Amino acid sequence: MPKFIIERTVPGAGDLGPEQLREIARTSNAVVEGLDTPYTWHESFAAGDTIYCVHSAVSAEVVREHARRGGFPADRVTEVGGEFGPATADG
């Protein structure tokens, strides 16, 4: 299943508190449960005026549907072409 990076413009995202983030997570989880298609939310980061999310779905259209149902912006949805980390350098 392809993995996507989603950029969501949310003014003040980096200043959201724990309860606000918890409510966003609850909404996202409820939408995922109701999608009727394979979908995984891996993690999200709130920084500056943007929330960056990593999700796996069968298509970018399904990612956008998740955003629509949750009331989330999805300003940019980009399919991940490759993954790497520090251990990648070892071989």
PDB file of N, CA and C in Angstrom:
ATOM      1  N   MET A   1       0.854  -1.170   0.000  1.00  0.00           N
ATOM      2  CA  MET A   1       0.000   0.000   0.000  1.00  0.00           C
ATOM      3  C   MET A   1       0.900   1.233   0.000  1.00  0.00           C
ATOM      4  N   PRO A   2       0.668   2.169  -0.897  1.00  0.00           N
ATOM      5  CA  PRO A   2       1.520   3.361  -0.961  1.00  0.00           C
ATOM      6  C   PRO A   2       1.448   4.197   0.323  1.00  0.00           C
ATOM      7  N   LYS A   3       2.537   4.874   0.594  1.00  0.00           N
ATOM      8  CA  LYS A   3       2.619   5.778   1.743  1.00  0.00           C
ATOM      9  C   LYS A   3       2.627   7.203   1.213  1.00  0.00           C
ATOM     10  N   PHE A   4       1.970   8.110   1.939  1.00  0.00           N
ATOM     11  CA  PHE A   4       1.841   9.496   1.514  1.00  0.00           C
ATOM     12  C   PHE A   4       2.253  10.452   2.629  1.00  0.00           C
ATOM     13  N   ILE A   5       2.830  11.576   2.227  1.00  0.00           N
ATOM     14  CA  ILE A   5       3.073  12.697   3.122  1.00  0.00           C
ATOM     15  C   ILE A   5       1.982  13.714   2.824  1.00  0.00           C
ATOM     16  N   ILE A   6       1.277  14.145   3.865  1.00  0.00           N
ATOM     17  CA  ILE A   6       0.210  15.127   3.707  1.00  0.00           C
ATOM     18  C   ILE A   6       0.636  16.399   4.432  1.00  0.00           C
ATOM     19  N   GLU A   7       0.527  17.520   3.740  1.00  0.00           N
ATOM     20  CA  GLU A   7       0.809  18.821   4.348  1.00  0.00           C
ATOM     21  C   GLU A   7      -0.516  19.536   4.542  1.00  0.00           C
ATOM     22  N   ARG A   8      -0.769  19.931   5.786  1.00  0.00           N
ATOM     23  CA  ARG A   8      -2.024  20.586   6.137  1.00  0.00           C
ATOM     24  C   ARG A   8      -1.711  21.960   6.730  1.00  0.00           C
ATOM     25  N   THR A   9      -2.136  23.023   6.074  1.00  0.00           N
ATOM     26  CA  THR A   9      -1.922  24.356   6.608  1.00  0.00           C
ATOM     27  C   THR A   9      -2.924  24.604   7.731  1.00  0.00           C
ATOM     28  N   VAL A  10      -2.386  24.781   8.935  1.00  0.00           N
ATOM     29  CA  VAL A  10      -3.190  25.053  10.126  1.00  0.00           C
ATOM     30  C   VAL A  10      -2.466  26.151  10.896  1.00  0.00           C
ATOM     31  N   PRO A  11      -2.912  27.405  10.771  1.00  0.00           N
ATOM     32  CA  PRO A  11      -2.217  28.485  11.475  1.00  0.00           C
ATOM     33  C   PRO A  11      -2.044  28.173  12.964  1.00  0.00           C
ATOM     34  N   GLY A  12      -0.814  28.317  13.440  1.00  0.00           N
ATOM     35  CA  GLY A  12      -0.512  28.047  14.844  1.00  0.00           C
ATOM     36  C   GLY A  12      -0.412  26.576  15.197  1.00  0.00           C
ATOM     37  N   ALA A  13      -0.288  25.700  14.206  1.00  0.00           N
ATOM     38  CA  ALA A  13      -0.261  24.254  14.461  1.00  0.00           C
ATOM     39  C   ALA A  13       0.787  23.871  15.503  1.00  0.00           C
ATOM     40  N   GLY A  14       1.965  24.498  15.422  1.00  0.00           N
ATOM     41  CA  GLY A  14       3.037  24.154  16.353  1.00  0.00           C
ATOM     42  C   GLY A  14       2.743  24.537  17.786  1.00  0.00           C
ATOM     43  N   ASP A  15       1.736  25.373  17.996  1.00  0.00           N
ATOM     44  CA  ASP A  15       1.356  25.799  19.345  1.00  0.00           C
ATOM     45  C   ASP A  15       0.138  25.067  19.885  1.00  0.00           C
ATOM     46  N   LEU A  16      -0.402  24.106  19.126  1.00  0.00           N
ATOM     47  CA  LEU A  16      -1.562  23.354  19.608  1.00  0.00           C
ATOM     48  C   LEU A  16      -1.192  22.581  20.865  1.00  0.00           C
ATOM     49  N   GLY A  17      -2.095  22.569  21.817  1.00  0.00           N
ATOM     50  CA  GLY A  17      -1.851  21.878  23.074  1.00  0.00           C
ATOM     51  C   GLY A  17      -2.253  20.419  23.022  1.00  0.00           C
ATOM     52  N   PRO A  18      -1.921  19.681  24.078  1.00  0.00           N
ATOM     53  CA  PRO A  18      -2.209  18.239  24.111  1.00  0.00           C
ATOM     54  C   PRO A  18      -3.681  17.905  23.887  1.00  0.00           C
ATOM     55  N   GLU A  19      -4.594  18.664  24.462  1.00  0.00           N
ATOM     56  CA  GLU A  19      -6.016  18.350  24.298  1.00  0.00           C
ATOM     57  C   GLU A  19      -6.472  18.606  22.859  1.00  0.00           C
ATOM     58  N   GLN A  20      -5.966  19.654  22.251  1.00  0.00           N
ATOM     59  CA  GLN A  20      -6.310  19.941  20.853  1.00  0.00           C
ATOM     60  C   GLN A  20      -5.778  18.847  19.935  1.00  0.00           C
ATOM     61  N   LEU A  21      -4.553  18.396  20.172  1.00  0.00           N
ATOM     62  CA  LEU A  21      -3.973  17.314  19.362  1.00  0.00           C
ATOM     63  C   LEU A  21      -4.733  16.014  19.584  1.00  0.00           C
ATOM     64  N   ARG A  22      -5.145  15.778  20.828  1.00  0.00           N
ATOM     65  CA  ARG A  22      -5.919  14.569  21.140  1.00  0.00           C
ATOM     66  C   ARG A  22      -7.249  14.584  20.377  1.00  0.00           C
ATOM     67  N   GLU A  23      -7.900  15.732  20.306  1.00  0.00           N
ATOM     68  CA  GLU A  23      -9.176  15.824  19.591  1.00  0.00           C
ATOM     69  C   GLU A  23      -8.990  15.602  18.091  1.00  0.00           C
ATOM     70  N   ILE A  24      -7.927  16.153  17.527  1.00  0.00           N
ATOM     71  CA  ILE A  24      -7.623  15.909  16.115  1.00  0.00           C
ATOM     72  C   ILE A  24      -7.400  14.416  15.884  1.00  0.00           C
ATOM     73  N   ALA A  25      -6.654  13.776  16.790  1.00  0.00           N
ATOM     74  CA  ALA A  25      -6.382  12.337  16.669  1.00  0.00           C
ATOM     75  C   ALA A  25      -7.666  11.519  16.763  1.00  0.00           C
ATOM     76  N   ARG A  26      -8.549  11.896  17.670  1.00  0.00           N
ATOM     77  CA  ARG A  26      -9.822  11.174  17.810  1.00  0.00           C
ATOM     78  C   ARG A  26     -10.644  11.280  16.522  1.00  0.00           C
ATOM     79  N   THR A  27     -10.684  12.468  15.965  1.00  0.00           N
ATOM     80  CA  THR A  27     -11.433  12.667  14.720  1.00  0.00           C
ATOM     81  C   THR A  27     -10.831  11.835  13.596  1.00  0.00           C
ATOM     82  N   SER A  28      -9.502  11.880  13.467  1.00  0.00           N
ATOM     83  CA  SER A  28      -8.836  11.115  12.415  1.00  0.00           C
ATOM     84  C   SER A  28      -9.097   9.622  12.573  1.00  0.00           C
ATOM     85  N   ASN A  29      -8.968   9.116  13.796  1.00  0.00           N
ATOM     86  CA  ASN A  29      -9.200   7.692  14.036  1.00  0.00           C
ATOM     87  C   ASN A  29     -10.622   7.280  13.676  1.00  0.00           C
ATOM     88  N   ALA A  30     -11.589   8.118  14.017  1.00  0.00           N
ATOM     89  CA  ALA A  30     -12.986   7.798  13.705  1.00  0.00           C
ATOM     90  C   ALA A  30     -13.200   7.753  12.201  1.00  0.00           C
ATOM     91  N   VAL A  31     -12.582   8.670  11.479  1.00  0.00           N
ATOM     92  CA  VAL A  31     -12.715   8.666  10.019  1.00  0.00           C
ATOM     93  C   VAL A  31     -12.073   7.414   9.438  1.00  0.00           C
ATOM     94  N   VAL A  32     -10.885   7.064   9.907  1.00  0.00           N
ATOM     95  CA  VAL A  32     -10.204   5.857   9.414  1.00  0.00           C
ATOM     96  C   VAL A  32     -11.107   4.640   9.597  1.00  0.00           C
ATOM     97  N   GLU A  33     -11.739   4.524  10.762  1.00  0.00           N
ATOM     98  CA  GLU A  33     -12.609   3.378  11.041  1.00  0.00           C
ATOM     99  C   GLU A  33     -13.787   3.305  10.075  1.00  0.00           C
ATOM    100  N   GLY A  34     -14.253   4.450   9.589  1.00  0.00           N
ATOM    101  CA  GLY A  34     -15.418   4.467   8.726  1.00  0.00           C
ATOM    102  C   GLY A  34     -15.123   4.488   7.238  1.00  0.00           C
ATOM    103  N   LEU A  35     -13.875   4.380   6.846  1.00  0.00           N
ATOM    104  CA  LEU A  35     -13.524   4.497   5.431  1.00  0.00           C
ATOM    105  C   LEU A  35     -13.891   3.282   4.587  1.00  0.00           C
ATOM    106  N   ASP A  36     -13.972   2.111   5.158  1.00  0.00           N
ATOM    107  CA  ASP A  36     -14.281   0.897   4.390  1.00  0.00           C
ATOM    108  C   ASP A  36     -13.237   0.561   3.343  1.00  0.00           C
ATOM    109  N   THR A  37     -11.985   0.949   3.601  1.00  0.00           N
ATOM    110  CA  THR A  37     -10.872   0.615   2.712  1.00  0.00           C
ATOM    111  C   THR A  37      -9.614   0.589   3.570  1.00  0.00           C
ATOM    112  N   PRO A  38      -8.617  -0.188   3.191  1.00  0.00           N
ATOM    113  CA  PRO A  38      -7.388  -0.210   3.985  1.00  0.00           C
ATOM    114  C   PRO A  38      -6.794   1.194   4.119  1.00  0.00           C
ATOM    115  N   TYR A  39      -6.427   1.559   5.341  1.00  0.00           N
ATOM    116  CA  TYR A  39      -5.891   2.899   5.597  1.00  0.00           C
ATOM    117  C   TYR A  39      -5.142   2.858   6.915  1.00  0.00           C
ATOM    118  N   THR A  40      -3.939   3.422   6.932  1.00  0.00           N
ATOM    119  CA  THR A  40      -3.145   3.483   8.160  1.00  0.00           C
ATOM    120  C   THR A  40      -2.612   4.889   8.356  1.00  0.00           C
ATOM    121  N   TRP A  41      -2.865   5.446   9.509  1.00  0.00           N
ATOM    122  CA  TRP A  41      -2.263   6.715   9.900  1.00  0.00           C
ATOM    123  C   TRP A  41      -1.038   6.345  10.726  1.00  0.00           C
ATOM    124  N   HIS A  42       0.144   6.697  10.263  1.00  0.00           N
ATOM    125  CA  HIS A  42       1.379   6.334  10.937  1.00  0.00           C
ATOM    126  C   HIS A  42       1.768   7.336  12.015  1.00  0.00           C
ATOM    127  N   GLU A  43       1.874   8.611  11.644  1.00  0.00           N
ATOM    128  CA  GLU A  43       2.248   9.637  12.609  1.00  0.00           C
ATOM    129  C   GLU A  43       2.049  11.009  11.995  1.00  0.00           C
ATOM    130  N   SER A  44       2.049  12.017  12.860  1.00  0.00           N
ATOM    131  CA  SER A  44       1.911  13.398  12.403  1.00  0.00           C
ATOM    132  C   SER A  44       2.818  14.288  13.236  1.00  0.00           C
ATOM    133  N   PHE A  45       3.169  15.430  12.644  1.00  0.00           N
ATOM    134  CA  PHE A  45       4.036  16.414  13.290  1.00  0.00           C
ATOM    135  C   PHE A  45       3.411  17.790  13.127  1.00  0.00           C
ATOM    136  N   ALA A  46       3.298  18.537  14.210  1.00  0.00           N
ATOM    137  CA  ALA A  46       2.796  19.906  14.165  1.00  0.00           C
ATOM    138  C   ALA A  46       3.991  20.833  14.303  1.00  0.00           C
ATOM    139  N   ALA A  47       4.210  21.668  13.279  1.00  0.00           N
ATOM    140  CA  ALA A  47       5.369  22.564  13.273  1.00  0.00           C
ATOM    141  C   ALA A  47       4.991  23.863  12.570  1.00  0.00           C
ATOM    142  N   GLY A  48       5.246  24.965  13.239  1.00  0.00           N
ATOM    143  CA  GLY A  48       4.911  26.247  12.627  1.00  0.00           C
ATOM    144  C   GLY A  48       3.430  26.324  12.327  1.00  0.00           C
ATOM    145  N   ASP A  49       3.095  26.591  11.086  1.00  0.00           N
ATOM    146  CA  ASP A  49       1.699  26.684  10.652  1.00  0.00           C
ATOM    147  C   ASP A  49       1.268  25.493   9.811  1.00  0.00           C
ATOM    148  N   THR A  50       1.935  24.355  10.004  1.00  0.00           N
ATOM    149  CA  THR A  50       1.652  23.176   9.192  1.00  0.00           C
ATOM    150  C   THR A  50       1.607  21.920  10.056  1.00  0.00           C
ATOM    151  N   ILE A  51       0.699  21.029   9.705  1.00  0.00           N
ATOM    152  CA  ILE A  51       0.707  19.670  10.256  1.00  0.00           C
ATOM    153  C   ILE A  51       1.136  18.761   9.113  1.00  0.00           C
ATOM    154  N   TYR A  52       2.177  17.971   9.360  1.00  0.00           N
ATOM    155  CA  TYR A  52       2.702  17.006   8.393  1.00  0.00           C
ATOM    156  C   TYR A  52       2.272  15.622   8.859  1.00  0.00           C
ATOM    157  N   CYS A  53       1.625  14.869   7.986  1.00  0.00           N
ATOM    158  CA  CYS A  53       1.128  13.546   8.344  1.00  0.00           C
ATOM    159  C   CYS A  53       1.713  12.489   7.410  1.00  0.00           C
ATOM    160  N   VAL A  54       1.875  11.294   7.943  1.00  0.00           N
ATOM    161  CA  VAL A  54       2.311  10.143   7.157  1.00  0.00           C
ATOM    162  C   VAL A  54       1.193   9.105   7.240  1.00  0.00           C
ATOM    163  N   HIS A  55       0.592   8.819   6.100  1.00  0.00           N
ATOM    164  CA  HIS A  55      -0.507   7.859   6.018  1.00  0.00           C
ATOM    165  C   HIS A  55      -0.220   6.870   4.893  1.00  0.00           C
ATOM    166  N   SER A  56      -0.755   5.669   5.022  1.00  0.00           N
ATOM    167  CA  SER A  56      -0.750   4.696   3.924  1.00  0.00           C
ATOM    168  C   SER A  56      -2.187   4.468   3.496  1.00  0.00           C
ATOM    169  N   ALA A  57      -2.388   4.455   2.179  1.00  0.00           N
ATOM    170  CA  ALA A  57      -3.724   4.257   1.622  1.00  0.00           C
ATOM    171  C   ALA A  57      -3.575   3.704   0.212  1.00  0.00           C
ATOM    172  N   VAL A  58      -4.672   3.228  -0.344  1.00  0.00           N
ATOM    173  CA  VAL A  58      -4.612   2.659  -1.684  1.00  0.00           C
ATOM    174  C   VAL A  58      -4.401   3.727  -2.750  1.00  0.00           C
ATOM    175  N   SER A  59      -4.734   4.999  -2.427  1.00  0.00           N
ATOM    176  CA  SER A  59      -4.553   6.065  -3.410  1.00  0.00           C
ATOM    177  C   SER A  59      -4.568   7.427  -2.720  1.00  0.00           C
ATOM    178  N   ALA A  60      -4.084   8.425  -3.434  1.00  0.00           N
ATOM    179  CA  ALA A  60      -4.146   9.800  -2.938  1.00  0.00           C
ATOM    180  C   ALA A  60      -5.597  10.256  -2.802  1.00  0.00           C
ATOM    181  N   GLU A  61      -6.474   9.740  -3.641  1.00  0.00           N
ATOM    182  CA  GLU A  61      -7.885  10.108  -3.556  1.00  0.00           C
ATOM    183  C   GLU A  61      -8.482   9.674  -2.221  1.00  0.00           C
ATOM    184  N   VAL A  62      -8.080   8.510  -1.733  1.00  0.00           N
ATOM    185  CA  VAL A  62      -8.571   8.040  -0.437  1.00  0.00           C
ATOM    186  C   VAL A  62      -8.023   8.928   0.681  1.00  0.00           C
ATOM    187  N   VAL A  63      -6.788   9.365   0.565  1.00  0.00           N
ATOM    188  CA  VAL A  63      -6.209  10.294   1.548  1.00  0.00           C
ATOM    189  C   VAL A  63      -7.033  11.586   1.562  1.00  0.00           C
ATOM    190  N   ARG A  64      -7.365  12.090   0.403  1.00  0.00           N
ATOM    191  CA  ARG A  64      -8.175  13.312   0.326  1.00  0.00           C
ATOM    192  C   ARG A  64      -9.581  13.092   0.894  1.00  0.00           C
ATOM    193  N   GLU A  65     -10.142  11.913   0.701  1.00  0.00           N
ATOM    194  CA  GLU A  65     -11.457  11.599   1.270  1.00  0.00           C
ATOM    195  C   GLU A  65     -11.384  11.583   2.794  1.00  0.00           C
ATOM    196  N   HIS A  66     -10.306  11.028   3.338  1.00  0.00           N
ATOM    197  CA  HIS A  66     -10.097  11.047   4.791  1.00  0.00           C
ATOM    198  C   HIS A  66     -10.094  12.493   5.283  1.00  0.00           C
ATOM    199  N   ALA A  67      -9.377  13.355   4.581  1.00  0.00           N
ATOM    200  CA  ALA A  67      -9.301  14.765   4.971  1.00  0.00           C
ATOM    201  C   ALA A  67     -10.676  15.421   4.891  1.00  0.00           C
ATOM    202  N   ARG A  68     -11.397  15.167   3.809  1.00  0.00           N
ATOM    203  CA  ARG A  68     -12.723  15.769   3.631  1.00  0.00           C
ATOM    204  C   ARG A  68     -13.663  15.368   4.760  1.00  0.00           C
ATOM    205  N   ARG A  69     -13.708  14.065   5.049  1.00  0.00           N
ATOM    206  CA  ARG A  69     -14.613  13.578   6.105  1.00  0.00           C
ATOM    207  C   ARG A  69     -14.219  14.100   7.477  1.00  0.00           C
ATOM    208  N   GLY A  70     -12.933  14.283   7.701  1.00  0.00           N
ATOM    209  CA  GLY A  70     -12.467  14.754   9.005  1.00  0.00           C
ATOM    210  C   GLY A  70     -12.492  16.265   9.158  1.00  0.00           C
ATOM    211  N   GLY A  71     -12.727  16.967   8.035  1.00  0.00           N
ATOM    212  CA  GLY A  71     -12.707  18.420   8.090  1.00  0.00           C
ATOM    213  C   GLY A  71     -11.298  18.980   8.156  1.00  0.00           C
ATOM    214  N   PHE A  72     -10.327  18.191   7.683  1.00  0.00           N
ATOM    215  CA  PHE A  72      -8.923  18.595   7.698  1.00  0.00           C
ATOM    216  C   PHE A  72      -8.522  19.161   6.336  1.00  0.00           C
ATOM    217  N   PRO A  73      -7.658  20.174   6.312  1.00  0.00           N
ATOM    218  CA  PRO A  73      -7.094  20.565   5.024  1.00  0.00           C
ATOM    219  C   PRO A  73      -6.126  19.479   4.534  1.00  0.00           C
ATOM    220  N   ALA A  74      -5.976  19.373   3.248  1.00  0.00           N
ATOM    221  CA  ALA A  74      -4.973  18.481   2.645  1.00  0.00           C
ATOM    222  C   ALA A  74      -4.388  19.261   1.474  1.00  0.00           C
ATOM    223  N   ASP A  75      -3.564  20.245   1.812  1.00  0.00           N
ATOM    224  CA  ASP A  75      -3.041  21.170   0.813  1.00  0.00           C
ATOM    225  C   ASP A  75      -2.104  20.497  -0.171  1.00  0.00           C
ATOM    226  N   ARG A  76      -1.413  19.502   0.297  1.00  0.00           N
ATOM    227  CA  ARG A  76      -0.483  18.777  -0.573  1.00  0.00           C
ATOM    228  C   ARG A  76      -0.448  17.317  -0.135  1.00  0.00           C
ATOM    229  N   VAL A  77      -0.666  16.417  -1.082  1.00  0.00           N
ATOM    230  CA  VAL A  77      -0.607  14.973  -0.835  1.00  0.00           C
ATOM    231  C   VAL A  77       0.425  14.418  -1.802  1.00  0.00           C
ATOM    232  N   THR A  78       1.531  13.892  -1.259  1.00  0.00           N
ATOM    233  CA  THR A  78       2.648  13.417  -2.083  1.00  0.00           C
ATOM    234  C   THR A  78       2.949  11.962  -1.756  1.00  0.00           C
ATOM    235  N   GLU A  79       2.974  11.119  -2.780  1.00  0.00           N
ATOM    236  CA  GLU A  79       3.327   9.717  -2.569  1.00  0.00           C
ATOM    237  C   GLU A  79       4.822   9.611  -2.294  1.00  0.00           C
ATOM    238  N   VAL A  80       5.183   8.822  -1.300  1.00  0.00           N
ATOM    239  CA  VAL A  80       6.568   8.601  -0.925  1.00  0.00           C
ATOM    240  C   VAL A  80       7.227   7.711  -1.980  1.00  0.00           C
ATOM    241  N   GLY A  81       8.367   8.150  -2.475  1.00  0.00           N
ATOM    242  CA  GLY A  81       9.090   7.385  -3.478  1.00  0.00           C
ATOM    243  C   GLY A  81      10.113   6.439  -2.882  1.00  0.00           C
ATOM    244  N   GLY A  82      10.611   6.725  -1.703  1.00  0.00           N
ATOM    245  CA  GLY A  82      11.598   5.876  -1.044  1.00  0.00           C
ATOM    246  C   GLY A  82      11.749   6.294   0.397  1.00  0.00           C
ATOM    247  N   GLU A  83      12.235   5.384   1.200  1.00  0.00           N
ATOM    248  CA  GLU A  83      12.451   5.653   2.625  1.00  0.00           C
ATOM    249  C   GLU A  83      13.891   5.337   2.977  1.00  0.00           C
ATOM    250  N   PHE A  84      14.441   6.141   3.897  1.00  0.00           N
ATOM    251  CA  PHE A  84      15.802   5.875   4.366  1.00  0.00           C
ATOM    252  C   PHE A  84      15.974   6.516   5.734  1.00  0.00           C
ATOM    253  N   GLY A  85      17.016   6.123   6.419  1.00  0.00           N
ATOM    254  CA  GLY A  85      17.355   6.637   7.733  1.00  0.00           C
ATOM    255  C   GLY A  85      18.822   6.438   7.999  1.00  0.00           C
ATOM    256  N   PRO A  86      19.266   6.682   9.223  1.00  0.00           N
ATOM    257  CA  PRO A  86      20.674   6.555   9.552  1.00  0.00           C
ATOM    258  C   PRO A  86      21.252   5.176   9.220  1.00  0.00           C
ATOM    259  N   ALA A  87      20.492   4.121   9.457  1.00  0.00           N
ATOM    260  CA  ALA A  87      20.985   2.759   9.203  1.00  0.00           C
ATOM    261  C   ALA A  87      21.183   2.482   7.720  1.00  0.00           C
ATOM    262  N   THR A  88      20.548   3.263   6.852  1.00  0.00           N
ATOM    263  CA  THR A  88      20.697   3.072   5.414  1.00  0.00           C
ATOM    264  C   THR A  88      22.167   3.225   5.002  1.00  0.00           C
ATOM    265  N   ALA A  89      22.887   4.057   5.698  1.00  0.00           N
ATOM    266  CA  ALA A  89      24.311   4.298   5.382  1.00  0.00           C
ATOM    267  C   ALA A  89      25.157   3.056   5.612  1.00  0.00           C
ATOM    268  N   ASP A  90      24.682   2.128   6.453  1.00  0.00           N
ATOM    269  CA  ASP A  90      25.463   0.939   6.797  1.00  0.00           C
ATOM    270  C   ASP A  90      25.328  -0.180   5.776  1.00  0.00           C
ATOM    271  N   GLY A  91      24.425  -0.033   4.855  1.00  0.00           N
ATOM    272  CA  GLY A  91      24.456  -1.083   3.903  1.00  0.00           C
ATOM    273  C   GLY A  91      23.321  -1.585   3.212  1.00  0.00           C
TER     274      GLY A  91
END
